[in-house]
Amino acid sequence: RKAQAAKRNGSILIAIDPYRSLSAEKCDQHI
């Protein structure tokens, strides 16, 4: 919920994970 608030505030979300998890799918980039 905090991460989503950050995104609404203009933050860029990047997931670093071997697996494209539910959260990684919703980030701006998945590595």
Full PDB file with SEQRES, HELIX, SHEET, SSBOND, CRYST1, ORIGX, SCALE, CONECT and MASTER records, all heavy atoms in Angstrom:
SEQRES   1 A   31  ARG LYS ALA GLN ALA ALA LYS ARG ASN GLY SER ILE LEU          
SEQRES   2 A   31  ILE ALA ILE ASP PRO TYR ARG SER LEU SER ALA GLU LYS          
SEQRES   3 A   31  CYS ASP GLN HIS ILE                                          
HELIX    1 AA1 LYS A    2  ARG A    8  1                                   7    
HELIX    2 AA2 LEU A   22  GLU A   25  1                                   4    
SHEET    1 AA1 2 ILE A  14  ALA A  15  0                                        
SHEET    2 AA1 2 GLN A  29  HIS A  30  1                                        
CRYST1    1.000    1.000    1.000  90.00  90.00  90.00 P 1           1          
ORIGX1      1.000000  0.000000  0.000000        0.00000                         
ORIGX2      0.000000  1.000000  0.000000        0.00000                         
ORIGX3      0.000000  0.000000  1.000000        0.00000                         
SCALE1      1.000000  0.000000  0.000000        0.00000                         
SCALE2      0.000000  1.000000  0.000000        0.00000                         
SCALE3      0.000000  0.000000  1.000000        0.00000                         
ATOM      1  N   ARG A   1       0.838  -1.208   0.000  1.00  0.00           N  
ATOM      2  CA  ARG A   1       0.000   0.000   0.000  1.00  0.00           C  
ATOM      3  C   ARG A   1       0.874   1.260   0.000  1.00  0.00           C  
ATOM      4  O   ARG A   1       0.565   2.251  -0.677  1.00  0.00           O  
ATOM      5  CB  ARG A   1      -0.931  -0.016   1.219  1.00  0.00           C  
ATOM      6  CG  ARG A   1      -2.087  -0.991   1.078  1.00  0.00           C  
ATOM      7  CD  ARG A   1      -2.727  -1.340   2.415  1.00  0.00           C  
ATOM      8  NE  ARG A   1      -3.223  -0.184   3.144  1.00  0.00           N  
ATOM      9  CZ  ARG A   1      -4.428   0.350   2.990  1.00  0.00           C  
ATOM     10  NH1 ARG A   1      -5.269  -0.172   2.119  1.00  0.00           N  
ATOM     11  NH2 ARG A   1      -4.817   1.379   3.713  1.00  0.00           N  
ATOM     12  N   LYS A   2       1.969   1.222   0.751  1.00  0.00           N  
ATOM     13  CA  LYS A   2       2.911   2.342   0.753  1.00  0.00           C  
ATOM     14  C   LYS A   2       3.575   2.493  -0.619  1.00  0.00           C  
ATOM     15  O   LYS A   2       3.798   3.605  -1.106  1.00  0.00           O  
ATOM     16  CB  LYS A   2       3.974   2.134   1.828  1.00  0.00           C  
ATOM     17  CG  LYS A   2       3.504   2.394   3.246  1.00  0.00           C  
ATOM     18  CD  LYS A   2       3.410   3.881   3.513  1.00  0.00           C  
ATOM     19  CE  LYS A   2       3.146   4.159   4.982  1.00  0.00           C  
ATOM     20  NZ  LYS A   2       3.028   5.626   5.243  1.00  0.00           N  
ATOM     21  N   ALA A   3       3.920   1.376  -1.237  1.00  0.00           N  
ATOM     22  CA  ALA A   3       4.551   1.421  -2.554  1.00  0.00           C  
ATOM     23  C   ALA A   3       3.602   2.028  -3.583  1.00  0.00           C  
ATOM     24  O   ALA A   3       4.024   2.804  -4.465  1.00  0.00           O  
ATOM     25  CB  ALA A   3       4.973   0.025  -2.973  1.00  0.00           C  
ATOM     26  N   GLN A   4       2.320   1.665  -3.480  1.00  0.00           N  
ATOM     27  CA  GLN A   4       1.344   2.251  -4.397  1.00  0.00           C  
ATOM     28  C   GLN A   4       1.177   3.747  -4.155  1.00  0.00           C  
ATOM     29  O   GLN A   4       1.001   4.529  -5.100  1.00  0.00           O  
ATOM     30  CB  GLN A   4       0.008   1.529  -4.246  1.00  0.00           C  
ATOM     31  CG  GLN A   4       0.031   0.081  -4.723  1.00  0.00           C  
ATOM     32  CD  GLN A   4       0.409  -0.030  -6.183  1.00  0.00           C  
ATOM     33  OE1 GLN A   4      -0.340   0.349  -7.078  1.00  0.00           O  
ATOM     34  NE2 GLN A   4       1.609  -0.525  -6.434  1.00  0.00           N  
ATOM     35  N   ALA A   5       1.255   4.150  -2.900  1.00  0.00           N  
ATOM     36  CA  ALA A   5       1.209   5.584  -2.593  1.00  0.00           C  
ATOM     37  C   ALA A   5       2.420   6.295  -3.182  1.00  0.00           C  
ATOM     38  O   ALA A   5       2.309   7.410  -3.719  1.00  0.00           O  
ATOM     39  CB  ALA A   5       1.145   5.794  -1.079  1.00  0.00           C  
ATOM     40  N   ALA A   6       3.583   5.661  -3.088  1.00  0.00           N  
ATOM     41  CA  ALA A   6       4.784   6.237  -3.689  1.00  0.00           C  
ATOM     42  C   ALA A   6       4.613   6.402  -5.192  1.00  0.00           C  
ATOM     43  O   ALA A   6       5.004   7.426  -5.775  1.00  0.00           O  
ATOM     44  CB  ALA A   6       5.995   5.351  -3.380  1.00  0.00           C  
ATOM     45  N   LYS A   7       4.030   5.404  -5.823  1.00  0.00           N  
ATOM     46  CA  LYS A   7       3.811   5.474  -7.273  1.00  0.00           C  
ATOM     47  C   LYS A   7       2.881   6.627  -7.628  1.00  0.00           C  
ATOM     48  O   LYS A   7       3.104   7.344  -8.603  1.00  0.00           O  
ATOM     49  CB  LYS A   7       3.258   4.140  -7.774  1.00  0.00           C  
ATOM     50  CG  LYS A   7       3.287   3.976  -9.283  1.00  0.00           C  
ATOM     51  CD  LYS A   7       2.940   2.554  -9.688  1.00  0.00           C  
ATOM     52  CE  LYS A   7       3.097   2.379 -11.192  1.00  0.00           C  
ATOM     53  NZ  LYS A   7       2.805   0.978 -11.606  1.00  0.00           N  
ATOM     54  N   ARG A   8       1.838   6.810  -6.832  1.00  0.00           N  
ATOM     55  CA  ARG A   8       0.927   7.939  -7.069  1.00  0.00           C  
ATOM     56  C   ARG A   8       1.644   9.272  -6.872  1.00  0.00           C  
ATOM     57  O   ARG A   8       1.268  10.282  -7.477  1.00  0.00           O  
ATOM     58  CB  ARG A   8      -0.288   7.839  -6.145  1.00  0.00           C  
ATOM     59  CG  ARG A   8      -1.228   6.691  -6.498  1.00  0.00           C  
ATOM     60  CD  ARG A   8      -2.542   6.801  -5.735  1.00  0.00           C  
ATOM     61  NE  ARG A   8      -2.371   6.649  -4.297  1.00  0.00           N  
ATOM     62  CZ  ARG A   8      -2.415   5.482  -3.654  1.00  0.00           C  
ATOM     63  NH1 ARG A   8      -2.593   4.357  -4.342  1.00  0.00           N  
ATOM     64  NH2 ARG A   8      -2.272   5.433  -2.341  1.00  0.00           N  
ATOM     65  N   ASN A   9       2.671   9.265  -6.025  1.00  0.00           N  
ATOM     66  CA  ASN A   9       3.460  10.485  -5.793  1.00  0.00           C  
ATOM     67  C   ASN A   9       4.551  10.688  -6.840  1.00  0.00           C  
ATOM     68  O   ASN A   9       5.372  11.598  -6.707  1.00  0.00           O  
ATOM     69  CB  ASN A   9       4.109  10.433  -4.407  1.00  0.00           C  
ATOM     70  CG  ASN A   9       3.090  10.511  -3.280  1.00  0.00           C  
ATOM     71  OD1 ASN A   9       1.978  10.995  -3.478  1.00  0.00           O  
ATOM     72  ND2 ASN A   9       3.462  10.022  -2.103  1.00  0.00           N  
ATOM     73  N   GLY A  10       4.580   9.823  -7.856  1.00  0.00           N  
ATOM     74  CA  GLY A  10       5.552   9.991  -8.934  1.00  0.00           C  
ATOM     75  C   GLY A  10       6.754   9.093  -8.862  1.00  0.00           C  
ATOM     76  O   GLY A  10       7.693   9.226  -9.657  1.00  0.00           O  
ATOM     77  N   SER A  11       6.779   8.145  -7.914  1.00  0.00           N  
ATOM     78  CA  SER A  11       7.920   7.250  -7.788  1.00  0.00           C  
ATOM     79  C   SER A  11       7.945   6.227  -8.924  1.00  0.00           C  
ATOM     80  O   SER A  11       6.899   5.820  -9.439  1.00  0.00           O  
ATOM     81  CB  SER A  11       7.861   6.500  -6.451  1.00  0.00           C  
ATOM     82  OG  SER A  11       8.942   5.598  -6.323  1.00  0.00           O  
ATOM     83  N   ILE A  12       9.149   5.829  -9.300  1.00  0.00           N  
ATOM     84  CA  ILE A  12       9.357   4.742 -10.252  1.00  0.00           C  
ATOM     85  C   ILE A  12       9.611   3.473  -9.451  1.00  0.00           C  
ATOM     86  O   ILE A  12      10.521   3.428  -8.615  1.00  0.00           O  
ATOM     87  CB  ILE A  12      10.531   5.035 -11.190  1.00  0.00           C  
ATOM     88  CG1 ILE A  12      10.228   6.280 -12.041  1.00  0.00           C  
ATOM     89  CG2 ILE A  12      10.829   3.838 -12.093  1.00  0.00           C  
ATOM     90  CD1 ILE A  12      11.407   6.761 -12.858  1.00  0.00           C  
ATOM     91  N   LEU A  13       8.801   2.443  -9.702  1.00  0.00           N  
ATOM     92  CA  LEU A  13       8.924   1.176  -8.990  1.00  0.00           C  
ATOM     93  C   LEU A  13       9.603   0.151  -9.890  1.00  0.00           C  
ATOM     94  O   LEU A  13       9.174  -0.069 -11.028  1.00  0.00           O  
ATOM     95  CB  LEU A  13       7.553   0.646  -8.568  1.00  0.00           C  
ATOM     96  CG  LEU A  13       7.026   1.061  -7.180  1.00  0.00           C  
ATOM     97  CD1 LEU A  13       6.928   2.570  -7.065  1.00  0.00           C  
ATOM     98  CD2 LEU A  13       5.685   0.401  -6.896  1.00  0.00           C  
ATOM     99  N   ILE A  14      10.662  -0.467  -9.366  1.00  0.00           N  
ATOM    100  CA  ILE A  14      11.398  -1.483 -10.110  1.00  0.00           C  
ATOM    101  C   ILE A  14      11.498  -2.739  -9.252  1.00  0.00           C  
ATOM    102  O   ILE A  14      11.917  -2.673  -8.095  1.00  0.00           O  
ATOM    103  CB  ILE A  14      12.799  -0.995 -10.500  1.00  0.00           C  
ATOM    104  CG1 ILE A  14      12.689   0.212 -11.431  1.00  0.00           C  
ATOM    105  CG2 ILE A  14      13.596  -2.112 -11.173  1.00  0.00           C  
ATOM    106  CD1 ILE A  14      14.017   0.829 -11.813  1.00  0.00           C  
ATOM    107  N   ALA A  15      11.103  -3.873  -9.820  1.00  0.00           N  
ATOM    108  CA  ALA A  15      11.211  -5.157  -9.130  1.00  0.00           C  
ATOM    109  C   ALA A  15      12.432  -5.911  -9.649  1.00  0.00           C  
ATOM    110  O   ALA A  15      12.622  -6.025 -10.864  1.00  0.00           O  
ATOM    111  CB  ALA A  15       9.957  -5.988  -9.351  1.00  0.00           C  
ATOM    112  N   ILE A  16      13.250  -6.397  -8.725  1.00  0.00           N  
ATOM    113  CA  ILE A  16      14.382  -7.259  -9.057  1.00  0.00           C  
ATOM    114  C   ILE A  16      14.075  -8.620  -8.471  1.00  0.00           C  
ATOM    115  O   ILE A  16      14.056  -8.799  -7.247  1.00  0.00           O  
ATOM    116  CB  ILE A  16      15.701  -6.692  -8.494  1.00  0.00           C  
ATOM    117  CG1 ILE A  16      15.966  -5.294  -9.066  1.00  0.00           C  
ATOM    118  CG2 ILE A  16      16.857  -7.627  -8.807  1.00  0.00           C  
ATOM    119  CD1 ILE A  16      17.175  -4.597  -8.464  1.00  0.00           C  
ATOM    120  N   ASP A  17      13.814  -9.589  -9.334  1.00  0.00           N  
ATOM    121  CA  ASP A  17      13.321 -10.884  -8.884  1.00  0.00           C  
ATOM    122  C   ASP A  17      13.424 -11.864 -10.048  1.00  0.00           C  
ATOM    123  O   ASP A  17      13.039 -11.518 -11.161  1.00  0.00           O  
ATOM    124  CB  ASP A  17      11.857 -10.750  -8.444  1.00  0.00           C  
ATOM    125  CG  ASP A  17      11.355 -11.927  -7.618  1.00  0.00           C  
ATOM    126  OD1 ASP A  17      11.711 -13.073  -7.935  1.00  0.00           O  
ATOM    127  OD2 ASP A  17      10.590 -11.699  -6.666  1.00  0.00           O  
ATOM    128  N   PRO A  18      13.911 -13.085  -9.822  1.00  0.00           N  
ATOM    129  CA  PRO A  18      13.938 -14.050 -10.921  1.00  0.00           C  
ATOM    130  C   PRO A  18      12.556 -14.358 -11.491  1.00  0.00           C  
ATOM    131  O   PRO A  18      12.429 -14.795 -12.633  1.00  0.00           O  
ATOM    132  CB  PRO A  18      14.539 -15.308 -10.274  1.00  0.00           C  
ATOM    133  CG  PRO A  18      15.273 -14.818  -9.076  1.00  0.00           C  
ATOM    134  CD  PRO A  18      14.508 -13.629  -8.596  1.00  0.00           C  
ATOM    135  N   TYR A  19      11.526 -14.115 -10.692  1.00  0.00           N  
ATOM    136  CA  TYR A  19      10.144 -14.505 -10.991  1.00  0.00           C  
ATOM    137  C   TYR A  19       9.287 -13.255 -11.159  1.00  0.00           C  
ATOM    138  O   TYR A  19       9.387 -12.315 -10.358  1.00  0.00           O  
ATOM    139  CB  TYR A  19       9.649 -15.362  -9.830  1.00  0.00           C  
ATOM    140  CG  TYR A  19       8.197 -15.734  -9.799  1.00  0.00           C  
ATOM    141  CD1 TYR A  19       7.565 -16.320 -10.886  1.00  0.00           C  
ATOM    142  CD2 TYR A  19       7.451 -15.547  -8.631  1.00  0.00           C  
ATOM    143  CE1 TYR A  19       6.231 -16.688 -10.823  1.00  0.00           C  
ATOM    144  CE2 TYR A  19       6.125 -15.926  -8.547  1.00  0.00           C  
ATOM    145  CZ  TYR A  19       5.515 -16.495  -9.651  1.00  0.00           C  
ATOM    146  OH  TYR A  19       4.194 -16.869  -9.575  1.00  0.00           O  
ATOM    147  N   ARG A  20       8.444 -13.219 -12.203  1.00  0.00           N  
ATOM    148  CA  ARG A  20       7.538 -12.083 -12.358  1.00  0.00           C  
ATOM    149  C   ARG A  20       6.316 -12.305 -11.466  1.00  0.00           C  
ATOM    150  O   ARG A  20       5.286 -12.805 -11.892  1.00  0.00           O  
ATOM    151  CB  ARG A  20       7.130 -11.893 -13.826  1.00  0.00           C  
ATOM    152  CG  ARG A  20       6.501 -10.515 -14.074  1.00  0.00           C  
ATOM    153  CD  ARG A  20       6.319 -10.204 -15.547  1.00  0.00           C  
ATOM    154  NE  ARG A  20       5.153 -10.867 -16.116  1.00  0.00           N  
ATOM    155  CZ  ARG A  20       5.170 -11.760 -17.086  1.00  0.00           C  
ATOM    156  NH1 ARG A  20       6.327 -12.152 -17.595  1.00  0.00           N  
ATOM    157  NH2 ARG A  20       4.053 -12.297 -17.550  1.00  0.00           N  
ATOM    158  N   SER A  21       6.479 -11.911 -10.232  1.00  0.00           N  
ATOM    159  CA  SER A  21       5.453 -12.110  -9.214  1.00  0.00           C  
ATOM    160  C   SER A  21       4.290 -11.153  -9.447  1.00  0.00           C  
ATOM    161  O   SER A  21       4.324 -10.288 -10.334  1.00  0.00           O  
ATOM    162  CB  SER A  21       6.050 -11.857  -7.829  1.00  0.00           C  
ATOM    163  OG  SER A  21       6.399 -10.483  -7.705  1.00  0.00           O  
ATOM    164  N   LEU A  22       3.257 -11.306  -8.611  1.00  0.00           N  
ATOM    165  CA  LEU A  22       2.118 -10.384  -8.691  1.00  0.00           C  
ATOM    166  C   LEU A  22       2.562  -8.944  -8.523  1.00  0.00           C  
ATOM    167  O   LEU A  22       2.058  -8.035  -9.197  1.00  0.00           O  
ATOM    168  CB  LEU A  22       1.095 -10.746  -7.609  1.00  0.00           C  
ATOM    169  CG  LEU A  22       0.345 -12.067  -7.778  1.00  0.00           C  
ATOM    170  CD1 LEU A  22      -0.442 -12.389  -6.509  1.00  0.00           C  
ATOM    171  CD2 LEU A  22      -0.583 -11.995  -8.978  1.00  0.00           C  
ATOM    172  N   SER A  23       3.514  -8.717  -7.620  1.00  0.00           N  
ATOM    173  CA  SER A  23       4.003  -7.357  -7.392  1.00  0.00           C  
ATOM    174  C   SER A  23       4.858  -6.884  -8.560  1.00  0.00           C  
ATOM    175  O   SER A  23       4.727  -5.738  -9.013  1.00  0.00           O  
ATOM    176  CB  SER A  23       4.810  -7.306  -6.092  1.00  0.00           C  
ATOM    177  OG  SER A  23       4.070  -7.799  -5.006  1.00  0.00           O  
ATOM    178  N   ALA A  24       5.737  -7.755  -9.059  1.00  0.00           N  
ATOM    179  CA  ALA A  24       6.597  -7.376 -10.177  1.00  0.00           C  
ATOM    180  C   ALA A  24       5.781  -6.984 -11.397  1.00  0.00           C  
ATOM    181  O   ALA A  24       6.148  -6.073 -12.150  1.00  0.00           O  
ATOM    182  CB  ALA A  24       7.545  -8.517 -10.515  1.00  0.00           C  
ATOM    183  N   GLU A  25       4.657  -7.659 -11.607  1.00  0.00           N  
ATOM    184  CA  GLU A  25       3.794  -7.348 -12.746  1.00  0.00           C  
ATOM    185  C   GLU A  25       3.275  -5.913 -12.689  1.00  0.00           C  
ATOM    186  O   GLU A  25       2.989  -5.316 -13.731  1.00  0.00           O  
ATOM    187  CB  GLU A  25       2.607  -8.311 -12.779  1.00  0.00           C  
ATOM    188  CG  GLU A  25       2.950  -9.707 -13.233  1.00  0.00           C  
ATOM    189  CD  GLU A  25       1.727 -10.585 -13.360  1.00  0.00           C  
ATOM    190  OE1 GLU A  25       0.856 -10.534 -12.468  1.00  0.00           O  
ATOM    191  OE2 GLU A  25       1.643 -11.324 -14.350  1.00  0.00           O  
ATOM    192  N   LYS A  26       3.143  -5.381 -11.486  1.00  0.00           N  
ATOM    193  CA  LYS A  26       2.551  -4.054 -11.318  1.00  0.00           C  
ATOM    194  C   LYS A  26       3.598  -2.946 -11.179  1.00  0.00           C  
ATOM    195  O   LYS A  26       3.240  -1.787 -10.981  1.00  0.00           O  
ATOM    196  CB  LYS A  26       1.618  -4.058 -10.100  1.00  0.00           C  
ATOM    197  CG  LYS A  26       0.454  -5.037 -10.243  1.00  0.00           C  
ATOM    198  CD  LYS A  26      -0.464  -5.020  -9.034  1.00  0.00           C  
ATOM    199  CE  LYS A  26      -1.565  -6.071  -9.152  1.00  0.00           C  
ATOM    200  NZ  LYS A  26      -2.380  -5.931 -10.364  1.00  0.00           N  
ATOM    201  N   CYS A  27       4.882  -3.305 -11.272  1.00  0.00           N  
ATOM    202  CA  CYS A  27       5.942  -2.304 -11.203  1.00  0.00           C  
ATOM    203  C   CYS A  27       6.210  -1.715 -12.584  1.00  0.00           C  
ATOM    204  O   CYS A  27       5.785  -2.250 -13.613  1.00  0.00           O  
ATOM    205  CB  CYS A  27       7.222  -2.930 -10.645  1.00  0.00           C  
ATOM    206  SG  CYS A  27       7.120  -3.309  -8.875  1.00  0.00           S  
ATOM    207  N   ASP A  28       6.936  -0.607 -12.620  1.00  0.00           N  
ATOM    208  CA  ASP A  28       7.274   0.030 -13.894  1.00  0.00           C  
ATOM    209  C   ASP A  28       8.270  -0.805 -14.691  1.00  0.00           C  
ATOM    210  O   ASP A  28       8.286  -0.755 -15.924  1.00  0.00           O  
ATOM    211  CB  ASP A  28       7.862   1.425 -13.639  1.00  0.00           C  
ATOM    212  CG  ASP A  28       6.853   2.351 -12.994  1.00  0.00           C  
ATOM    213  OD1 ASP A  28       5.881   2.725 -13.669  1.00  0.00           O  
ATOM    214  OD2 ASP A  28       7.015   2.669 -11.805  1.00  0.00           O  
ATOM    215  N   GLN A  29       9.097  -1.587 -13.992  1.00  0.00           N  
ATOM    216  CA  GLN A  29      10.067  -2.439 -14.664  1.00  0.00           C  
ATOM    217  C   GLN A  29      10.314  -3.671 -13.810  1.00  0.00           C  
ATOM    218  O   GLN A  29      10.320  -3.602 -12.581  1.00  0.00           O  
ATOM    219  CB  GLN A  29      11.393  -1.699 -14.893  1.00  0.00           C  
ATOM    220  CG  GLN A  29      12.441  -2.506 -15.647  1.00  0.00           C  
ATOM    221  CD  GLN A  29      13.771  -1.776 -15.773  1.00  0.00           C  
ATOM    222  OE1 GLN A  29      13.974  -0.709 -15.198  1.00  0.00           O  
ATOM    223  NE2 GLN A  29      14.696  -2.358 -16.525  1.00  0.00           N  
ATOM    224  N   HIS A  30      10.521  -4.791 -14.471  1.00  0.00           N  
ATOM    225  CA  HIS A  30      10.890  -6.022 -13.789  1.00  0.00           C  
ATOM    226  C   HIS A  30      12.217  -6.498 -14.346  1.00  0.00           C  
ATOM    227  O   HIS A  30      12.356  -6.694 -15.558  1.00  0.00           O  
ATOM    228  CB  HIS A  30       9.821  -7.098 -13.991  1.00  0.00           C  
ATOM    229  CG  HIS A  30      10.235  -8.451 -13.494  1.00  0.00           C  
ATOM    230  ND1 HIS A  30       9.952  -9.623 -14.162  1.00  0.00           N  
ATOM    231  CD2 HIS A  30      10.939  -8.824 -12.381  1.00  0.00           C  
ATOM    232  CE1 HIS A  30      10.452 -10.647 -13.498  1.00  0.00           C  
ATOM    233  NE2 HIS A  30      11.054 -10.200 -12.415  1.00  0.00           N  
ATOM    234  N   ILE A  31      13.198  -6.689 -13.476  1.00  0.00           N  
ATOM    235  CA  ILE A  31      14.515  -7.190 -13.862  1.00  0.00           C  
ATOM    236  C   ILE A  31      14.612  -8.635 -13.375  1.00  0.00           C  
ATOM    237  O   ILE A  31      14.718  -8.895 -12.179  1.00  0.00           O  
ATOM    238  CB  ILE A  31      15.638  -6.329 -13.257  1.00  0.00           C  
ATOM    239  CG1 ILE A  31      15.526  -4.894 -13.773  1.00  0.00           C  
ATOM    240  CG2 ILE A  31      17.007  -6.922 -13.579  1.00  0.00           C  
ATOM    241  CD1 ILE A  31      16.497  -3.920 -13.120  1.00  0.00           C  
TER     242      ILE A  31                                                      
MASTER        0    0    0    2    2    0    0    6  241    1    0    3          
END                                                                             
